[in-house]
Amino acid sequence: MDVKVPYSNTTNKDEAFEAAVAQITEEYIAKFNVKADVKTDKAAGNITAKGKGFKLALDFKDDGVELSSEFGLLLKAFKGKVIETIERKLKKYV
């Protein structure tokens, strides 16, 4: 886990999941110059984005969302900026 964001604009993990699904899209991930396939699993309470040399996972828990990531060698330099940007977006909506 890289970052944990507590829920501040939603009251539970289901509301937070719905808010995040609307924001974390393939188009949003493409802003980081990464082509990723975004998959959502409401039953498991997670969102994953996978691309070449890139993996991002959002796991919705009872007290907040956990953001985990893996970056390949070529993208590792951008990890901090990507995590920080997604964390800001999550804080704004969940």
PDB file of N, CA and C in Angstrom:
ATOM      1  N   MET A   1       0.842  -1.173   0.000  1.00  0.00           N
ATOM      2  CA  MET A   1       0.000   0.000   0.000  1.00  0.00           C
ATOM      3  C   MET A   1       0.891   1.242   0.000  1.00  0.00           C
ATOM      4  N   ASP A   2       0.597   2.149  -0.909  1.00  0.00           N
ATOM      5  CA  ASP A   2       1.358   3.397  -0.984  1.00  0.00           C
ATOM      6  C   ASP A   2       0.707   4.500  -0.146  1.00  0.00           C
ATOM      7  N   VAL A   3      -0.617   4.592  -0.237  1.00  0.00           N
ATOM      8  CA  VAL A   3      -1.347   5.678   0.431  1.00  0.00           C
ATOM      9  C   VAL A   3      -2.708   5.165   0.892  1.00  0.00           C
ATOM     10  N   LYS A   4      -3.185   5.684   2.028  1.00  0.00           N
ATOM     11  CA  LYS A   4      -4.542   5.397   2.472  1.00  0.00           C
ATOM     12  C   LYS A   4      -5.278   6.724   2.607  1.00  0.00           C
ATOM     13  N   VAL A   5      -6.436   6.819   1.968  1.00  0.00           N
ATOM     14  CA  VAL A   5      -7.234   8.042   1.993  1.00  0.00           C
ATOM     15  C   VAL A   5      -8.531   7.756   2.748  1.00  0.00           C
ATOM     16  N   PRO A   6      -8.746   8.428   3.876  1.00  0.00           N
ATOM     17  CA  PRO A   6      -9.995   8.215   4.620  1.00  0.00           C
ATOM     18  C   PRO A   6     -11.172   8.862   3.888  1.00  0.00           C
ATOM     19  N   TYR A   7     -12.355   8.341   4.127  1.00  0.00           N
ATOM     20  CA  TYR A   7     -13.548   8.897   3.492  1.00  0.00           C
ATOM     21  C   TYR A   7     -13.910  10.213   4.178  1.00  0.00           C
ATOM     22  N   SER A   8     -14.040  11.279   3.386  1.00  0.00           N
ATOM     23  CA  SER A   8     -14.434  12.565   3.964  1.00  0.00           C
ATOM     24  C   SER A   8     -15.678  13.129   3.284  1.00  0.00           C
ATOM     25  N   ASN A   9     -15.923  12.775   2.035  1.00  0.00           N
ATOM     26  CA  ASN A   9     -17.085  13.273   1.303  1.00  0.00           C
ATOM     27  C   ASN A   9     -18.152  12.195   1.099  1.00  0.00           C
ATOM     28  N   THR A  10     -17.855  10.980   1.531  1.00  0.00           N
ATOM     29  CA  THR A  10     -18.800   9.872   1.439  1.00  0.00           C
ATOM     30  C   THR A  10     -18.889   9.221   2.814  1.00  0.00           C
ATOM     31  N   THR A  11     -19.946   8.445   3.030  1.00  0.00           N
ATOM     32  CA  THR A  11     -20.140   7.889   4.367  1.00  0.00           C
ATOM     33  C   THR A  11     -19.743   6.421   4.491  1.00  0.00           C
ATOM     34  N   ASN A  12     -19.626   5.719   3.355  1.00  0.00           N
ATOM     35  CA  ASN A  12     -19.238   4.310   3.439  1.00  0.00           C
ATOM     36  C   ASN A  12     -18.496   3.894   2.181  1.00  0.00           C
ATOM     37  N   LYS A  13     -18.028   2.653   2.185  1.00  0.00           N
ATOM     38  CA  LYS A  13     -17.201   2.211   1.060  1.00  0.00           C
ATOM     39  C   LYS A  13     -17.987   2.080  -0.235  1.00  0.00           C
ATOM     40  N   ASP A  14     -19.284   1.780  -0.177  1.00  0.00           N
ATOM     41  CA  ASP A  14     -20.082   1.674  -1.402  1.00  0.00           C
ATOM     42  C   ASP A  14     -20.234   3.031  -2.086  1.00  0.00           C
ATOM     43  N   GLU A  15     -20.515   4.070  -1.305  1.00  0.00           N
ATOM     44  CA  GLU A  15     -20.608   5.422  -1.864  1.00  0.00           C
ATOM     45  C   GLU A  15     -19.258   5.865  -2.420  1.00  0.00           C
ATOM     46  N   ALA A  16     -18.207   5.583  -1.687  1.00  0.00           N
ATOM     47  CA  ALA A  16     -16.864   5.958  -2.115  1.00  0.00           C
ATOM     48  C   ALA A  16     -16.491   5.242  -3.407  1.00  0.00           C
ATOM     49  N   PHE A  17     -16.853   3.973  -3.511  1.00  0.00           N
ATOM     50  CA  PHE A  17     -16.573   3.191  -4.717  1.00  0.00           C
ATOM     51  C   PHE A  17     -17.256   3.830  -5.930  1.00  0.00           C
ATOM     52  N   GLU A  18     -18.526   4.168  -5.780  1.00  0.00           N
ATOM     53  CA  GLU A  18     -19.277   4.784  -6.881  1.00  0.00           C
ATOM     54  C   GLU A  18     -18.662   6.122  -7.288  1.00  0.00           C
ATOM     55  N   ALA A  19     -18.257   6.923  -6.305  1.00  0.00           N
ATOM     56  CA  ALA A  19     -17.630   8.213  -6.597  1.00  0.00           C
ATOM     57  C   ALA A  19     -16.303   8.018  -7.331  1.00  0.00           C
ATOM     58  N   ALA A  20     -15.523   7.039  -6.908  1.00  0.00           N
ATOM     59  CA  ALA A  20     -14.214   6.792  -7.523  1.00  0.00           C
ATOM     60  C   ALA A  20     -14.352   6.234  -8.931  1.00  0.00           C
ATOM     61  N   VAL A  21     -15.336   5.366  -9.161  1.00  0.00           N
ATOM     62  CA  VAL A  21     -15.544   4.782 -10.499  1.00  0.00           C
ATOM     63  C   VAL A  21     -15.811   5.894 -11.513  1.00  0.00           C
ATOM     64  N   ALA A  22     -16.532   6.915 -11.094  1.00  0.00           N
ATOM     65  CA  ALA A  22     -16.830   8.030 -11.991  1.00  0.00           C
ATOM     66  C   ALA A  22     -15.590   8.864 -12.308  1.00  0.00           C
ATOM     67  N   GLN A  23     -14.597   8.841 -11.419  1.00  0.00           N
ATOM     68  CA  GLN A  23     -13.412   9.684 -11.583  1.00  0.00           C
ATOM     69  C   GLN A  23     -12.194   8.950 -12.152  1.00  0.00           C
ATOM     70  N   ILE A  24     -11.962   7.740 -11.735  1.00  0.00           N
ATOM     71  CA  ILE A  24     -10.776   6.982 -12.160  1.00  0.00           C
ATOM     72  C   ILE A  24     -11.157   6.171 -13.402  1.00  0.00           C
ATOM     73  N   THR A  25     -10.955   6.765 -14.546  1.00  0.00           N
ATOM     74  CA  THR A  25     -11.321   6.157 -15.827  1.00  0.00           C
ATOM     75  C   THR A  25     -10.077   5.950 -16.679  1.00  0.00           C
ATOM     76  N   GLU A  26     -10.236   5.254 -17.787  1.00  0.00           N
ATOM     77  CA  GLU A  26      -9.113   5.063 -18.704  1.00  0.00           C
ATOM     78  C   GLU A  26      -8.625   6.404 -19.232  1.00  0.00           C
ATOM     79  N   GLU A  27      -9.554   7.330 -19.471  1.00  0.00           N
ATOM     80  CA  GLU A  27      -9.182   8.661 -19.958  1.00  0.00           C
ATOM     81  C   GLU A  27      -8.366   9.419 -18.908  1.00  0.00           C
ATOM     82  N   TYR A  28      -8.756   9.261 -17.637  1.00  0.00           N
ATOM     83  CA  TYR A  28      -8.018   9.924 -16.559  1.00  0.00           C
ATOM     84  C   TYR A  28      -6.604   9.359 -16.448  1.00  0.00           C
ATOM     85  N   ILE A  29      -6.462   8.047 -16.503  1.00  0.00           N
ATOM     86  CA  ILE A  29      -5.139   7.411 -16.425  1.00  0.00           C
ATOM     87  C   ILE A  29      -4.287   7.820 -17.633  1.00  0.00           C
ATOM     88  N   ALA A  30      -4.918   8.017 -18.784  1.00  0.00           N
ATOM     89  CA  ALA A  30      -4.192   8.412 -19.996  1.00  0.00           C
ATOM     90  C   ALA A  30      -3.518   9.777 -19.834  1.00  0.00           C
ATOM     91  N   LYS A  31      -3.979  10.600 -18.901  1.00  0.00           N
ATOM     92  CA  LYS A  31      -3.337  11.887 -18.626  1.00  0.00           C
ATOM     93  C   LYS A  31      -1.879  11.708 -18.221  1.00  0.00           C
ATOM     94  N   PHE A  32      -1.540  10.544 -17.685  1.00  0.00           N
ATOM     95  CA  PHE A  32      -0.180  10.270 -17.246  1.00  0.00           C
ATOM     96  C   PHE A  32       0.660   9.633 -18.360  1.00  0.00           C
ATOM     97  N   ASN A  33       0.155   9.689 -19.589  1.00  0.00           N
ATOM     98  CA  ASN A  33       0.823   9.094 -20.750  1.00  0.00           C
ATOM     99  C   ASN A  33       1.018   7.595 -20.592  1.00  0.00           C
ATOM    100  N   VAL A  34       0.018   6.953 -20.013  1.00  0.00           N
ATOM    101  CA  VAL A  34       0.020   5.501 -19.827  1.00  0.00           C
ATOM    102  C   VAL A  34      -1.297   4.967 -20.355  1.00  0.00           C
ATOM    103  N   LYS A  35      -1.228   4.005 -21.247  1.00  0.00           N
ATOM    104  CA  LYS A  35      -2.440   3.354 -21.720  1.00  0.00           C
ATOM    105  C   LYS A  35      -2.731   2.205 -20.764  1.00  0.00           C
ATOM    106  N   ALA A  36      -3.872   2.296 -20.096  1.00  0.00           N
ATOM    107  CA  ALA A  36      -4.204   1.289 -19.096  1.00  0.00           C
ATOM    108  C   ALA A  36      -5.629   0.802 -19.285  1.00  0.00           C
ATOM    109  N   ASP A  37      -5.830  -0.436 -18.919  1.00  0.00           N
ATOM    110  CA  ASP A  37      -7.148  -1.059 -18.942  1.00  0.00           C
ATOM    111  C   ASP A  37      -7.688  -0.999 -17.510  1.00  0.00           C
ATOM    112  N   VAL A  38      -8.792  -0.271 -17.310  1.00  0.00           N
ATOM    113  CA  VAL A  38      -9.363  -0.095 -15.975  1.00  0.00           C
ATOM    114  C   VAL A  38     -10.499  -1.089 -15.784  1.00  0.00           C
ATOM    115  N   LYS A  39     -10.417  -1.852 -14.687  1.00  0.00           N
ATOM    116  CA  LYS A  39     -11.456  -2.833 -14.363  1.00  0.00           C
ATOM    117  C   LYS A  39     -12.003  -2.523 -12.976  1.00  0.00           C
ATOM    118  N   THR A  40     -13.316  -2.655 -12.837  1.00  0.00           N
ATOM    119  CA  THR A  40     -13.949  -2.436 -11.541  1.00  0.00           C
ATOM    120  C   THR A  40     -14.620  -3.725 -11.080  1.00  0.00           C
ATOM    121  N   ASP A  41     -14.592  -3.943  -9.790  1.00  0.00           N
ATOM    122  CA  ASP A  41     -15.238  -5.107  -9.192  1.00  0.00           C
ATOM    123  C   ASP A  41     -15.942  -4.633  -7.926  1.00  0.00           C
ATOM    124  N   LYS A  42     -17.223  -4.328  -8.067  1.00  0.00           N
ATOM    125  CA  LYS A  42     -17.987  -3.797  -6.933  1.00  0.00           C
ATOM    126  C   LYS A  42     -18.092  -4.810  -5.804  1.00  0.00           C
ATOM    127  N   ALA A  43     -18.269  -6.079  -6.132  1.00  0.00           N
ATOM    128  CA  ALA A  43     -18.407  -7.113  -5.100  1.00  0.00           C
ATOM    129  C   ALA A  43     -17.149  -7.186  -4.225  1.00  0.00           C
ATOM    130  N   ALA A  44     -15.991  -7.108  -4.849  1.00  0.00           N
ATOM    131  CA  ALA A  44     -14.732  -7.156  -4.098  1.00  0.00           C
ATOM    132  C   ALA A  44     -14.343  -5.783  -3.570  1.00  0.00           C
ATOM    133  N   GLY A  45     -14.947  -4.735  -4.107  1.00  0.00           N
ATOM    134  CA  GLY A  45     -14.638  -3.376  -3.671  1.00  0.00           C
ATOM    135  C   GLY A  45     -13.277  -2.902  -4.120  1.00  0.00           C
ATOM    136  N   ASN A  46     -12.967  -3.125  -5.412  1.00  0.00           N
ATOM    137  CA  ASN A  46     -11.686  -2.625  -5.903  1.00  0.00           C
ATOM    138  C   ASN A  46     -11.755  -2.160  -7.352  1.00  0.00           C
ATOM    139  N   ILE A  47     -10.817  -1.299  -7.683  1.00  0.00           N
ATOM    140  CA  ILE A  47     -10.626  -0.796  -9.040  1.00  0.00           C
ATOM    141  C   ILE A  47      -9.165  -1.053  -9.373  1.00  0.00           C
ATOM    142  N   THR A  48      -8.901  -1.631 -10.543  1.00  0.00           N
ATOM    143  CA  THR A  48      -7.521  -1.852 -10.965  1.00  0.00           C
ATOM    144  C   THR A  48      -7.313  -1.259 -12.349  1.00  0.00           C
ATOM    145  N   ALA A  49      -6.140  -0.717 -12.541  1.00  0.00           N
ATOM    146  CA  ALA A  49      -5.723  -0.195 -13.845  1.00  0.00           C
ATOM    147  C   ALA A  49      -4.388  -0.844 -14.169  1.00  0.00           C
ATOM    148  N   LYS A  50      -4.343  -1.517 -15.307  1.00  0.00           N
ATOM    149  CA  LYS A  50      -3.111  -2.198 -15.706  1.00  0.00           C
ATOM    150  C   LYS A  50      -2.722  -1.752 -17.103  1.00  0.00           C
ATOM    151  N   GLY A  51      -1.451  -1.501 -17.263  1.00  0.00           N
ATOM    152  CA  GLY A  51      -0.899  -1.145 -18.558  1.00  0.00           C
ATOM    153  C   GLY A  51       0.526  -1.652 -18.635  1.00  0.00           C
ATOM    154  N   LYS A  52       1.202  -1.332 -19.707  1.00  0.00           N
ATOM    155  CA  LYS A  52       2.581  -1.782 -19.880  1.00  0.00           C
ATOM    156  C   LYS A  52       3.477  -1.069 -18.858  1.00  0.00           C
ATOM    157  N   GLY A  53       4.028  -1.823 -17.928  1.00  0.00           N
ATOM    158  CA  GLY A  53       4.910  -1.272 -16.907  1.00  0.00           C
ATOM    159  C   GLY A  53       4.188  -0.476 -15.836  1.00  0.00           C
ATOM    160  N   PHE A  54       2.901  -0.725 -15.668  1.00  0.00           N
ATOM    161  CA  PHE A  54       2.100   0.091 -14.757  1.00  0.00           C
ATOM    162  C   PHE A  54       0.962  -0.736 -14.178  1.00  0.00           C
ATOM    163  N   LYS A  55       0.770  -0.641 -12.878  1.00  0.00           N
ATOM    164  CA  LYS A  55      -0.379  -1.262 -12.234  1.00  0.00           C
ATOM    165  C   LYS A  55      -0.793  -0.388 -11.060  1.00  0.00           C
ATOM    166  N   LEU A  56      -2.074  -0.116 -10.998  1.00  0.00           N
ATOM    167  CA  LEU A  56      -2.637   0.709  -9.938  1.00  0.00           C
ATOM    168  C   LEU A  56      -3.829  -0.039  -9.365  1.00  0.00           C
ATOM    169  N   ALA A  57      -3.940  -0.094  -8.039  1.00  0.00           N
ATOM    170  CA  ALA A  57      -5.059  -0.778  -7.399  1.00  0.00           C
ATOM    171  C   ALA A  57      -5.637   0.109  -6.309  1.00  0.00           C
ATOM    172  N   LEU A  58      -6.953   0.237  -6.316  1.00  0.00           N
ATOM    173  CA  LEU A  58      -7.684   0.956  -5.279  1.00  0.00           C
ATOM    174  C   LEU A  58      -8.554  -0.063  -4.570  1.00  0.00           C
ATOM    175  N   ASP A  59      -8.304  -0.266  -3.289  1.00  0.00           N
ATOM    176  CA  ASP A  59      -9.075  -1.216  -2.485  1.00  0.00           C
ATOM    177  C   ASP A  59      -9.881  -0.441  -1.456  1.00  0.00           C
ATOM    178  N   PHE A  60     -11.186  -0.590  -1.519  1.00  0.00           N
ATOM    179  CA  PHE A  60     -12.094   0.133  -0.637  1.00  0.00           C
ATOM    180  C   PHE A  60     -12.348  -0.674   0.624  1.00  0.00           C
ATOM    181  N   LYS A  61     -11.922  -0.120   1.753  1.00  0.00           N
ATOM    182  CA  LYS A  61     -12.093  -0.743   3.066  1.00  0.00           C
ATOM    183  C   LYS A  61     -13.174   0.020   3.826  1.00  0.00           C
ATOM    184  N   ASP A  62     -13.494  -0.418   5.035  1.00  0.00           N
ATOM    185  CA  ASP A  62     -14.531   0.243   5.828  1.00  0.00           C
ATOM    186  C   ASP A  62     -14.148   1.663   6.249  1.00  0.00           C
ATOM    187  N   ASP A  63     -12.857   1.924   6.431  1.00  0.00           N
ATOM    188  CA  ASP A  63     -12.427   3.230   6.935  1.00  0.00           C
ATOM    189  C   ASP A  63     -11.708   4.108   5.915  1.00  0.00           C
ATOM    190  N   GLY A  64     -11.491   3.622   4.704  1.00  0.00           N
ATOM    191  CA  GLY A  64     -10.816   4.423   3.683  1.00  0.00           C
ATOM    192  C   GLY A  64     -10.427   3.581   2.490  1.00  0.00           C
ATOM    193  N   VAL A  65      -9.872   4.247   1.504  1.00  0.00           N
ATOM    194  CA  VAL A  65      -9.439   3.567   0.287  1.00  0.00           C
ATOM    195  C   VAL A  65      -7.916   3.453   0.307  1.00  0.00           C
ATOM    196  N   GLU A  66      -7.416   2.267   0.001  1.00  0.00           N
ATOM    197  CA  GLU A  66      -5.978   2.017  -0.038  1.00  0.00           C
ATOM    198  C   GLU A  66      -5.521   2.024  -1.486  1.00  0.00           C
ATOM    199  N   LEU A  67      -4.522   2.832  -1.766  1.00  0.00           N
ATOM    200  CA  LEU A  67      -3.976   2.984  -3.107  1.00  0.00           C
ATOM    201  C   LEU A  67      -2.626   2.286  -3.167  1.00  0.00           C
ATOM    202  N   SER A  68      -2.504   1.306  -4.060  1.00  0.00           N
ATOM    203  CA  SER A  68      -1.249   0.579  -4.251  1.00  0.00           C
ATOM    204  C   SER A  68      -0.846   0.694  -5.708  1.00  0.00           C
ATOM    205  N   SER A  69       0.458   0.720  -5.952  1.00  0.00           N
ATOM    206  CA  SER A  69       0.916   0.847  -7.331  1.00  0.00           C
ATOM    207  C   SER A  69       2.214   0.095  -7.559  1.00  0.00           C
ATOM    208  N   GLU A  70       2.418  -0.236  -8.813  1.00  0.00           N
ATOM    209  CA  GLU A  70       3.672  -0.835  -9.267  1.00  0.00           C
ATOM    210  C   GLU A  70       4.036  -0.138 -10.562  1.00  0.00           C
ATOM    211  N   PHE A  71       5.261   0.332 -10.644  1.00  0.00           N
ATOM    212  CA  PHE A  71       5.727   1.013 -11.843  1.00  0.00           C
ATOM    213  C   PHE A  71       6.955   0.312 -12.371  1.00  0.00           C
ATOM    214  N   GLY A  72       7.009   0.155 -13.687  1.00  0.00           N
ATOM    215  CA  GLY A  72       8.171  -0.432 -14.323  1.00  0.00           C
ATOM    216  C   GLY A  72       9.336   0.536 -14.293  1.00  0.00           C
ATOM    217  N   LEU A  73      10.462   0.084 -14.755  1.00  0.00           N
ATOM    218  CA  LEU A  73      11.685   0.876 -14.716  1.00  0.00           C
ATOM    219  C   LEU A  73      11.536   2.228 -15.411  1.00  0.00           C
ATOM    220  N   LEU A  74      10.904   2.255 -16.561  1.00  0.00           N
ATOM    221  CA  LEU A  74      10.787   3.505 -17.320  1.00  0.00           C
ATOM    222  C   LEU A  74       9.817   4.502 -16.685  1.00  0.00           C
ATOM    223  N   LEU A  75       8.867   4.023 -15.919  1.00  0.00           N
ATOM    224  CA  LEU A  75       7.862   4.904 -15.318  1.00  0.00           C
ATOM    225  C   LEU A  75       8.124   5.212 -13.850  1.00  0.00           C
ATOM    226  N   LYS A  76       9.102   4.560 -13.258  1.00  0.00           N
ATOM    227  CA  LYS A  76       9.355   4.704 -11.820  1.00  0.00           C
ATOM    228  C   LYS A  76       9.597   6.160 -11.406  1.00  0.00           C
ATOM    229  N   ALA A  77      10.204   6.953 -12.270  1.00  0.00           N
ATOM    230  CA  ALA A  77      10.484   8.351 -11.944  1.00  0.00           C
ATOM    231  C   ALA A  77       9.205   9.171 -11.753  1.00  0.00           C
ATOM    232  N   PHE A  78       8.105   8.733 -12.350  1.00  0.00           N
ATOM    233  CA  PHE A  78       6.846   9.467 -12.278  1.00  0.00           C
ATOM    234  C   PHE A  78       5.938   8.981 -11.150  1.00  0.00           C
ATOM    235  N   LYS A  79       6.357   7.968 -10.415  1.00  0.00           N
ATOM    236  CA  LYS A  79       5.500   7.357  -9.399  1.00  0.00           C
ATOM    237  C   LYS A  79       4.987   8.379  -8.384  1.00  0.00           C
ATOM    238  N   GLY A  80       5.851   9.189  -7.833  1.00  0.00           N
ATOM    239  CA  GLY A  80       5.452  10.167  -6.820  1.00  0.00           C
ATOM    240  C   GLY A  80       4.395  11.131  -7.324  1.00  0.00           C
ATOM    241  N   LYS A  81       4.578  11.636  -8.531  1.00  0.00           N
ATOM    242  CA  LYS A  81       3.625  12.590  -9.096  1.00  0.00           C
ATOM    243  C   LYS A  81       2.278  11.919  -9.372  1.00  0.00           C
ATOM    244  N   VAL A  82       2.301  10.723  -9.904  1.00  0.00           N
ATOM    245  CA  VAL A  82       1.061  10.001 -10.199  1.00  0.00           C
ATOM    246  C   VAL A  82       0.293   9.707  -8.912  1.00  0.00           C
ATOM    247  N   ILE A  83       0.976   9.187  -7.904  1.00  0.00           N
ATOM    248  CA  ILE A  83       0.336   8.861  -6.622  1.00  0.00           C
ATOM    249  C   ILE A  83      -0.240  10.123  -5.980  1.00  0.00           C
ATOM    250  N   GLU A  84       0.533  11.193  -5.988  1.00  0.00           N
ATOM    251  CA  GLU A  84       0.079  12.452  -5.394  1.00  0.00           C
ATOM    252  C   GLU A  84      -1.164  12.994  -6.107  1.00  0.00           C
ATOM    253  N   THR A  85      -1.184  12.931  -7.421  1.00  0.00           N
ATOM    254  CA  THR A  85      -2.319  13.429  -8.206  1.00  0.00           C
ATOM    255  C   THR A  85      -3.573  12.600  -7.948  1.00  0.00           C
ATOM    256  N   ILE A  86      -3.434  11.291  -7.939  1.00  0.00           N
ATOM    257  CA  ILE A  86      -4.590  10.422  -7.684  1.00  0.00           C
ATOM    258  C   ILE A  86      -5.064  10.582  -6.238  1.00  0.00           C
ATOM    259  N   GLU A  87      -4.139  10.732  -5.311  1.00  0.00           N
ATOM    260  CA  GLU A  87      -4.516  10.935  -3.910  1.00  0.00           C
ATOM    261  C   GLU A  87      -5.338  12.218  -3.760  1.00  0.00           C
ATOM    262  N   ARG A  88      -4.909  13.304  -4.423  1.00  0.00           N
ATOM    263  CA  ARG A  88      -5.666  14.561  -4.373  1.00  0.00           C
ATOM    264  C   ARG A  88      -7.076  14.383  -4.907  1.00  0.00           C
ATOM    265  N   LYS A  89      -7.195  13.665  -6.021  1.00  0.00           N
ATOM    266  CA  LYS A  89      -8.511  13.435  -6.626  1.00  0.00           C
ATOM    267  C   LYS A  89      -9.392  12.611  -5.692  1.00  0.00           C
ATOM    268  N   LEU A  90      -8.835  11.590  -5.077  1.00  0.00           N
ATOM    269  CA  LEU A  90      -9.603  10.769  -4.144  1.00  0.00           C
ATOM    270  C   LEU A  90     -10.070  11.582  -2.940  1.00  0.00           C
ATOM    271  N   LYS A  91      -9.185  12.420  -2.395  1.00  0.00           N
ATOM    272  CA  LYS A  91      -9.558  13.250  -1.253  1.00  0.00           C
ATOM    273  C   LYS A  91     -10.710  14.190  -1.602  1.00  0.00           C
ATOM    274  N   LYS A  92     -10.718  14.654  -2.836  1.00  0.00           N
ATOM    275  CA  LYS A  92     -11.759  15.582  -3.278  1.00  0.00           C
ATOM    276  C   LYS A  92     -13.116  14.911  -3.418  1.00  0.00           C
ATOM    277  N   TYR A  93     -13.141  13.648  -3.850  1.00  0.00           N
ATOM    278  CA  TYR A  93     -14.406  12.983  -4.158  1.00  0.00           C
ATOM    279  C   TYR A  93     -14.848  11.907  -3.170  1.00  0.00           C
ATOM    280  N   VAL A  94     -13.919  11.271  -2.461  1.00  0.00           N
ATOM    281  CA  VAL A  94     -14.334  10.214  -1.533  1.00  0.00           C
ATOM    282  C   VAL A  94     -14.108  10.673  -0.114  1.00  0.00           C
TER     283      VAL A  94
END
